[in-house]
Every structure is written in C-alpha cells, then in structure tokens.
Amino acid sequence: MSSFIIISVLILLIVFMLLIGVPLNVLKVLGRIAGRIFISVLLLFVLNLVFSSFGYHLPINYFTIAFTGVLGIPGLAALSVISIYMV
C-alpha cells in the first residue's frame, strides 16, 4: 500500500473516533499495549547497545517485541538464553 492510502485511512479513523466517541476502556487497553511495545523496543535496544561489544545481538523484530511485551523482563531473559544456547 502506498503511504498516502495508509495516512488517509488513519486520518479517517481519527475523525471517526472523534465524531462517534471511543469508550474509555478501549483507550486504556490500547495505551497499555502501546506502552508495553515501547518499553519492549527500548529494552531490546539497550540490551543490544550494551552487549554489542561482546558480539551479542538480539534482533528487534515483531516476534521479539511481542515476546518481550507479553512476558516483560523474564521474556527478555528467556530470549537471551535461547539466543546464546541455540545459535
């Protein structure tokens, strides 16, 4: 899809939500999900930044972000152990 179509759809969704209104619970859930995704990406980036001098790299992709977002710090530790021992 072109970027024009994506931006147009997003603008229409925002206008629709402003006109109709969105239940507060939906916004809370979306905010939590966005926050966990942001923290996951930040943790993965910091981990890669700190351990890059030791030759350790954990890719930042949809799977690692989702895994870390759902499980948090234990998920990040599990991905690290899996990456060290499986690769």
Protein backbone atom coordinates (compact mmCIF):
# COMPACT_ATOMS: atom_id res chain seq x y z
CA MET A 1 0.00 0.00 0.00
CA SER A 2 1.18 3.45 -0.66
CA SER A 3 1.85 5.78 2.21
CA PHE A 4 -0.90 8.13 1.01
CA ILE A 5 -3.55 5.44 1.45
CA ILE A 6 -2.29 4.49 4.90
CA ILE A 7 -2.21 8.10 6.09
CA SER A 8 -5.67 8.73 4.64
CA VAL A 9 -7.13 5.72 6.42
CA LEU A 10 -5.52 6.77 9.72
CA ILE A 11 -6.89 10.31 9.40
CA LEU A 12 -10.36 8.96 8.63
CA LEU A 13 -10.19 6.68 11.67
CA ILE A 14 -9.17 9.57 13.91
CA VAL A 15 -12.00 11.75 12.60
CA PHE A 16 -14.47 8.89 13.01
CA MET A 17 -13.36 8.29 16.60
CA LEU A 18 -13.63 12.00 17.38
CA LEU A 19 -17.14 12.21 15.94
CA ILE A 20 -18.54 8.96 17.35
CA GLY A 21 -16.51 8.74 20.52
CA VAL A 22 -14.49 5.86 21.84
CA PRO A 23 -15.18 4.07 25.12
CA LEU A 24 -12.59 4.87 27.76
CA ASN A 25 -11.78 1.21 28.39
CA VAL A 26 -10.68 0.74 24.79
CA LEU A 27 -8.29 3.67 25.07
CA LYS A 28 -6.85 2.32 28.33
CA VAL A 29 -6.18 -1.08 26.76
CA LEU A 30 -4.63 0.47 23.65
CA GLY A 31 -2.49 2.72 25.83
CA ARG A 32 -1.22 -0.24 27.85
CA ILE A 33 -0.40 -2.19 24.70
CA ALA A 34 1.41 0.79 23.16
CA GLY A 35 3.34 1.35 26.38
CA ARG A 36 4.43 -2.28 26.61
CA ILE A 37 5.52 -2.25 22.96
CA PHE A 38 7.52 0.95 23.52
CA ILE A 39 9.21 -0.46 26.63
CA SER A 40 9.97 -3.73 24.82
CA VAL A 41 11.66 -1.95 21.94
CA LEU A 42 13.59 0.25 24.37
CA LEU A 43 14.78 -2.75 26.42
CA LEU A 44 15.84 -4.66 23.30
CA PHE A 45 17.71 -1.61 22.01
CA VAL A 46 19.52 -1.07 25.32
CA LEU A 47 20.40 -4.77 25.53
CA ASN A 48 21.87 -4.67 22.02
CA LEU A 49 23.71 -1.43 22.77
CA VAL A 50 25.28 -2.71 25.98
CA PHE A 51 26.24 -6.19 24.78
CA SER A 52 27.28 -5.33 21.22
CA SER A 53 30.90 -5.01 22.34
CA PHE A 54 30.78 -8.70 23.37
CA GLY A 55 29.45 -9.77 19.98
CA TYR A 56 25.93 -10.43 21.29
CA HIS A 57 23.00 -9.33 19.15
CA LEU A 58 19.29 -9.95 19.63
CA PRO A 59 17.25 -8.90 16.59
CA ILE A 60 14.44 -6.41 17.05
CA ASN A 61 11.51 -7.84 15.10
CA TYR A 62 7.80 -8.49 15.65
CA PHE A 63 8.39 -11.79 17.45
CA THR A 64 10.93 -10.45 19.95
CA ILE A 65 8.86 -7.33 20.62
CA ALA A 66 5.69 -9.38 21.19
CA PHE A 67 7.52 -11.93 23.36
CA THR A 68 9.13 -9.22 25.49
CA GLY A 69 5.93 -7.18 25.59
CA VAL A 70 3.88 -10.07 26.93
CA LEU A 71 6.44 -11.55 29.33
CA GLY A 72 8.46 -8.47 30.27
CA ILE A 73 11.94 -8.84 31.77
CA PRO A 74 11.66 -12.64 32.14
CA GLY A 75 10.79 -12.82 28.45
CA LEU A 76 13.86 -10.76 27.59
CA ALA A 77 15.99 -13.07 29.73
CA ALA A 78 14.45 -16.13 28.05
CA LEU A 79 15.15 -14.72 24.58
CA SER A 80 18.72 -14.01 25.60
CA VAL A 81 19.28 -17.53 26.91
CA ILE A 82 17.67 -19.06 23.82
CA SER A 83 19.81 -16.88 21.57
CA ILE A 84 23.02 -17.76 23.40
CA TYR A 85 22.49 -21.52 23.59
CA MET A 86 20.63 -22.17 20.35
CA VAL A 87 22.67 -20.08 17.96
